[in-house]
Amino acid sequence: MNQLRIRILQSSDLPVLAALRCSHAEEQKGLSAASDLQFGDRFSEWYRNTAAVSRWQVADTGVALVGLLHMFTHFRMPMPTYDSGGWGYVSLLYVQPEHRGTGIGGRLLRTIEQDALSLGFSKLLLNPTDKAIPLYRRCGYRPADSYMVHDLGN
């Protein structure tokens, strides 16, 4: 693991990225890509449709990608004489099970935090699984009580 590098996603990584997403979906929800023959096409389309508002970091061992982090960007509407900045939404942080506990998740978070700061963002938001909460707490994240949600039923 000495050669582990956190880097920006490259378009050539897309098939591996889709496979990591499948691993995450199977682990979290028991969903298998084998039962969804169009998943690769749907994933590629989603990737293209969200590219302008997405930031990706991957954990690369030099042999394989073993982790990923996706952040949606939200640039606030400017006001006269005031730069409103923006914020990021971490929509997915995934590290393959055999590589957990090695610091990869924290490294991915620190890298995307630096990216968010370089964009002038004031905060990162996320909706963690119960299993991931300890990682986020160790990295300085805390519960937020100033947001509201309206469930649309989908």
C-alpha atoms as a PDB file:
ATOM      1  CA  MET A   1       0.000   0.000   0.000  1.00  0.00           C
ATOM      2  CA  ASN A   2       3.069   2.286   0.022  1.00  0.00           C
ATOM      3  CA  GLN A   3       2.281   3.425  -3.519  1.00  0.00           C
ATOM      4  CA  LEU A   4      -1.267   4.520  -2.748  1.00  0.00           C
ATOM      5  CA  ARG A   5      -2.071   7.773  -4.466  1.00  0.00           C
ATOM      6  CA  ILE A   6      -5.194   9.914  -4.172  1.00  0.00           C
ATOM      7  CA  ARG A   7      -5.873  11.473  -7.555  1.00  0.00           C
ATOM      8  CA  ILE A   8      -8.554  13.033  -9.711  1.00  0.00           C
ATOM      9  CA  LEU A   9     -10.672  10.592 -11.669  1.00  0.00           C
ATOM     10  CA  GLN A  10      -9.722  10.120 -15.319  1.00  0.00           C
ATOM     11  CA  SER A  11     -12.255   9.247 -18.015  1.00  0.00           C
ATOM     12  CA  SER A  12     -10.423   5.955 -18.587  1.00  0.00           C
ATOM     13  CA  ASP A  13     -11.364   5.018 -14.987  1.00  0.00           C
ATOM     14  CA  LEU A  14     -15.081   4.969 -15.768  1.00  0.00           C
ATOM     15  CA  PRO A  15     -15.493   1.159 -16.095  1.00  0.00           C
ATOM     16  CA  VAL A  16     -13.684   0.614 -12.799  1.00  0.00           C
ATOM     17  CA  LEU A  17     -15.700   3.402 -11.207  1.00  0.00           C
ATOM     18  CA  ALA A  18     -18.917   1.673 -12.280  1.00  0.00           C
ATOM     19  CA  ALA A  19     -17.634  -1.595 -10.801  1.00  0.00           C
ATOM     20  CA  LEU A  20     -16.859   0.134  -7.476  1.00  0.00           C
ATOM     21  CA  ARG A  21     -20.363   1.592  -7.477  1.00  0.00           C
ATOM     22  CA  CYS A  22     -21.733  -1.918  -8.005  1.00  0.00           C
ATOM     23  CA  SER A  23     -19.672  -3.197  -5.059  1.00  0.00           C
ATOM     24  CA  HIS A  24     -21.028  -0.384  -2.902  1.00  0.00           C
ATOM     25  CA  ALA A  25     -24.643  -1.060  -3.953  1.00  0.00           C
ATOM     26  CA  GLU A  26     -24.291  -4.763  -3.305  1.00  0.00           C
ATOM     27  CA  GLU A  27     -22.758  -4.177   0.124  1.00  0.00           C
ATOM     28  CA  GLN A  28     -25.240  -1.476   1.204  1.00  0.00           C
ATOM     29  CA  LYS A  29     -28.465  -2.678  -0.365  1.00  0.00           C
ATOM     30  CA  GLY A  30     -27.858  -6.208  -1.638  1.00  0.00           C
ATOM     31  CA  LEU A  31     -28.251  -5.045  -5.256  1.00  0.00           C
ATOM     32  CA  SER A  32     -26.394  -6.975  -7.947  1.00  0.00           C
ATOM     33  CA  ALA A  33     -25.314  -5.556 -11.300  1.00  0.00           C
ATOM     34  CA  ALA A  34     -25.737  -9.035 -12.771  1.00  0.00           C
ATOM     35  CA  SER A  35     -29.498  -8.479 -12.649  1.00  0.00           C
ATOM     36  CA  ASP A  36     -29.233  -5.077 -14.379  1.00  0.00           C
ATOM     37  CA  LEU A  37     -27.713  -5.480 -17.822  1.00  0.00           C
ATOM     38  CA  GLN A  38     -28.152  -1.766 -18.604  1.00  0.00           C
ATOM     39  CA  PHE A  39     -26.357  -0.536 -15.481  1.00  0.00           C
ATOM     40  CA  GLY A  40     -23.118   0.303 -17.304  1.00  0.00           C
ATOM     41  CA  ASP A  41     -24.960   2.408 -19.875  1.00  0.00           C
ATOM     42  CA  ARG A  42     -27.089   4.144 -17.229  1.00  0.00           C
ATOM     43  CA  PHE A  43     -24.007   4.846 -15.121  1.00  0.00           C
ATOM     44  CA  SER A  44     -22.132   6.305 -18.104  1.00  0.00           C
ATOM     45  CA  GLU A  45     -25.105   8.512 -18.960  1.00  0.00           C
ATOM     46  CA  TRP A  46     -25.373   9.715 -15.340  1.00  0.00           C
ATOM     47  CA  TYR A  47     -21.629  10.433 -15.315  1.00  0.00           C
ATOM     48  CA  ARG A  48     -21.906  12.543 -18.481  1.00  0.00           C
ATOM     49  CA  ASN A  49     -25.025  14.375 -17.241  1.00  0.00           C
ATOM     50  CA  THR A  50     -23.471  15.318 -13.899  1.00  0.00           C
ATOM     51  CA  ALA A  51     -19.880  15.979 -14.995  1.00  0.00           C
ATOM     52  CA  ALA A  52     -20.203  19.777 -14.813  1.00  0.00           C
ATOM     53  CA  VAL A  53     -21.214  19.710 -11.150  1.00  0.00           C
ATOM     54  CA  SER A  54     -19.141  16.719 -10.001  1.00  0.00           C
ATOM     55  CA  ARG A  55     -15.715  16.384  -8.433  1.00  0.00           C
ATOM     56  CA  TRP A  56     -14.142  12.948  -8.097  1.00  0.00           C
ATOM     57  CA  GLN A  57     -11.157  11.613  -6.172  1.00  0.00           C
ATOM     58  CA  VAL A  58      -9.991   8.005  -6.370  1.00  0.00           C
ATOM     59  CA  ALA A  59      -7.564   5.931  -4.314  1.00  0.00           C
ATOM     60  CA  ASP A  60      -5.148   4.246  -6.707  1.00  0.00           C
ATOM     61  CA  THR A  61      -2.696   1.552  -5.541  1.00  0.00           C
ATOM     62  CA  GLY A  62      -0.896   1.587  -8.879  1.00  0.00           C
ATOM     63  CA  VAL A  63      -2.543  -1.741  -9.650  1.00  0.00           C
ATOM     64  CA  ALA A  64      -6.200  -0.993  -8.944  1.00  0.00           C
ATOM     65  CA  LEU A  65      -8.635   1.658  -7.777  1.00  0.00           C
ATOM     66  CA  VAL A  66      -9.656   0.725  -4.238  1.00  0.00           C
ATOM     67  CA  GLY A  67     -11.698   3.750  -3.183  1.00  0.00           C
ATOM     68  CA  LEU A  68     -13.602   6.731  -4.475  1.00  0.00           C
ATOM     69  CA  LEU A  69     -15.217   9.926  -3.327  1.00  0.00           C
ATOM     70  CA  HIS A  70     -17.803  11.905  -5.277  1.00  0.00           C
ATOM     71  CA  MET A  71     -18.820  15.461  -4.423  1.00  0.00           C
ATOM     72  CA  PHE A  72     -21.549  17.501  -6.068  1.00  0.00           C
ATOM     73  CA  THR A  73     -20.755  21.202  -6.225  1.00  0.00           C
ATOM     74  CA  HIS A  74     -23.259  23.921  -5.455  1.00  0.00           C
ATOM     75  CA  PHE A  75     -22.319  27.481  -6.284  1.00  0.00           C
ATOM     76  CA  ARG A  76     -24.574  29.955  -4.546  1.00  0.00           C
ATOM     77  CA  MET A  77     -26.204  32.716  -6.527  1.00  0.00           C
ATOM     78  CA  PRO A  78     -24.103  35.883  -6.235  1.00  0.00           C
ATOM     79  CA  MET A  79     -25.372  39.057  -4.612  1.00  0.00           C
ATOM     80  CA  PRO A  80     -24.302  42.609  -5.399  1.00  0.00           C
ATOM     81  CA  THR A  81     -20.920  43.383  -3.820  1.00  0.00           C
ATOM     82  CA  TYR A  82     -20.809  39.942  -2.145  1.00  0.00           C
ATOM     83  CA  ASP A  83     -19.302  36.674  -3.336  1.00  0.00           C
ATOM     84  CA  SER A  84     -21.614  34.028  -1.966  1.00  0.00           C
ATOM     85  CA  GLY A  85     -19.247  31.072  -2.448  1.00  0.00           C
ATOM     86  CA  GLY A  86     -20.814  27.659  -2.330  1.00  0.00           C
ATOM     87  CA  TRP A  87     -20.748  24.267  -0.719  1.00  0.00           C
ATOM     88  CA  GLY A  88     -20.211  20.642  -1.616  1.00  0.00           C
ATOM     89  CA  TYR A  89     -22.328  17.573  -1.065  1.00  0.00           C
ATOM     90  CA  VAL A  90     -20.356  14.366  -0.568  1.00  0.00           C
ATOM     91  CA  SER A  91     -22.676  11.890  -2.252  1.00  0.00           C
ATOM     92  CA  LEU A  92     -20.438   8.817  -2.008  1.00  0.00           C
ATOM     93  CA  LEU A  93     -17.325   7.750  -0.180  1.00  0.00           C
ATOM     94  CA  TYR A  94     -16.470   4.093  -0.738  1.00  0.00           C
ATOM     95  CA  VAL A  95     -13.387   2.056   0.096  1.00  0.00           C
ATOM     96  CA  GLN A  96     -13.217  -1.632  -0.730  1.00  0.00           C
ATOM     97  CA  PRO A  97     -13.662  -3.708   2.449  1.00  0.00           C
ATOM     98  CA  GLU A  98     -10.162  -5.206   2.362  1.00  0.00           C
ATOM     99  CA  HIS A  99      -8.653  -1.683   2.344  1.00  0.00           C
ATOM    100  CA  ARG A 100     -10.725  -0.185   5.170  1.00  0.00           C
ATOM    101  CA  GLY A 101      -9.032   0.853   8.368  1.00  0.00           C
ATOM    102  CA  THR A 102      -5.899   1.927   6.496  1.00  0.00           C
ATOM    103  CA  GLY A 103      -6.647   5.661   6.365  1.00  0.00           C
ATOM    104  CA  ILE A 104      -7.850   5.777   2.752  1.00  0.00           C
ATOM    105  CA  GLY A 105     -11.268   7.211   3.629  1.00  0.00           C
ATOM    106  CA  GLY A 106      -9.686  10.021   5.640  1.00  0.00           C
ATOM    107  CA  ARG A 107      -7.202  10.760   2.854  1.00  0.00           C
ATOM    108  CA  LEU A 108     -10.021  10.942   0.292  1.00  0.00           C
ATOM    109  CA  LEU A 109     -11.949  13.327   2.562  1.00  0.00           C
ATOM    110  CA  ARG A 110      -8.929  15.583   3.195  1.00  0.00           C
ATOM    111  CA  THR A 111      -8.254  15.764  -0.538  1.00  0.00           C
ATOM    112  CA  ILE A 112     -11.838  16.727  -1.425  1.00  0.00           C
ATOM    113  CA  GLU A 113     -11.863  19.227   1.472  1.00  0.00           C
ATOM    114  CA  GLN A 114      -8.821  20.952  -0.045  1.00  0.00           C
ATOM    115  CA  ASP A 115     -10.568  20.931  -3.418  1.00  0.00           C
ATOM    116  CA  ALA A 116     -13.674  22.490  -1.835  1.00  0.00           C
ATOM    117  CA  LEU A 117     -11.569  25.177  -0.151  1.00  0.00           C
ATOM    118  CA  SER A 118      -9.885  26.001  -3.456  1.00  0.00           C
ATOM    119  CA  LEU A 119     -13.367  26.537  -4.932  1.00  0.00           C
ATOM    120  CA  GLY A 120     -14.192  28.988  -2.119  1.00  0.00           C
ATOM    121  CA  PHE A 121     -16.740  26.667  -0.507  1.00  0.00           C
ATOM    122  CA  SER A 122     -17.810  27.281   3.078  1.00  0.00           C
ATOM    123  CA  LYS A 123     -18.911  23.752   3.985  1.00  0.00           C
ATOM    124  CA  LEU A 124     -19.374  20.144   2.975  1.00  0.00           C
ATOM    125  CA  LEU A 125     -22.612  18.302   3.617  1.00  0.00           C
ATOM    126  CA  LEU A 126     -23.304  14.589   3.570  1.00  0.00           C
ATOM    127  CA  ASN A 127     -25.831  11.992   4.633  1.00  0.00           C
ATOM    128  CA  PRO A 128     -23.770   9.166   6.147  1.00  0.00           C
ATOM    129  CA  THR A 129     -24.707   5.581   6.792  1.00  0.00           C
ATOM    130  CA  ASP A 130     -24.633   4.583  10.460  1.00  0.00           C
ATOM    131  CA  LYS A 131     -21.516   2.527   9.741  1.00  0.00           C
ATOM    132  CA  ALA A 132     -19.675   5.575   8.314  1.00  0.00           C
ATOM    133  CA  ILE A 133     -20.503   8.042  11.105  1.00  0.00           C
ATOM    134  CA  PRO A 134     -17.390   7.211  13.199  1.00  0.00           C
ATOM    135  CA  LEU A 135     -15.113   7.966  10.221  1.00  0.00           C
ATOM    136  CA  TYR A 136     -16.777  11.313   9.590  1.00  0.00           C
ATOM    137  CA  ARG A 137     -16.640  12.239  13.287  1.00  0.00           C
ATOM    138  CA  ARG A 138     -12.906  11.413  13.400  1.00  0.00           C
ATOM    139  CA  CYS A 139     -12.463  13.720  10.411  1.00  0.00           C
ATOM    140  CA  GLY A 140     -14.233  16.630  12.115  1.00  0.00           C
ATOM    141  CA  TYR A 141     -17.790  16.298  10.775  1.00  0.00           C
ATOM    142  CA  ARG A 142     -20.731  16.921  13.092  1.00  0.00           C
ATOM    143  CA  PRO A 143     -24.500  16.622  12.879  1.00  0.00           C
ATOM    144  CA  ALA A 144     -26.248  19.605  11.275  1.00  0.00           C
ATOM    145  CA  ASP A 145     -29.490  20.905  12.651  1.00  0.00           C
ATOM    146  CA  SER A 146     -30.135  23.840  10.358  1.00  0.00           C
ATOM    147  CA  TYR A 147     -31.339  21.992   7.268  1.00  0.00           C
ATOM    148  CA  MET A 148     -34.780  20.831   6.317  1.00  0.00           C
ATOM    149  CA  VAL A 149     -35.945  18.120   3.955  1.00  0.00           C
ATOM    150  CA  HIS A 150     -39.187  17.399   2.151  1.00  0.00           C
ATOM    151  CA  ASP A 151     -39.600  13.776   1.099  1.00  0.00           C
ATOM    152  CA  LEU A 152     -41.161  13.651  -2.364  1.00  0.00           C
ATOM    153  CA  GLY A 153     -41.972   9.949  -2.054  1.00  0.00           C
ATOM    154  CA  ASN A 154     -39.632   8.677  -4.786  1.00  0.00           C
END
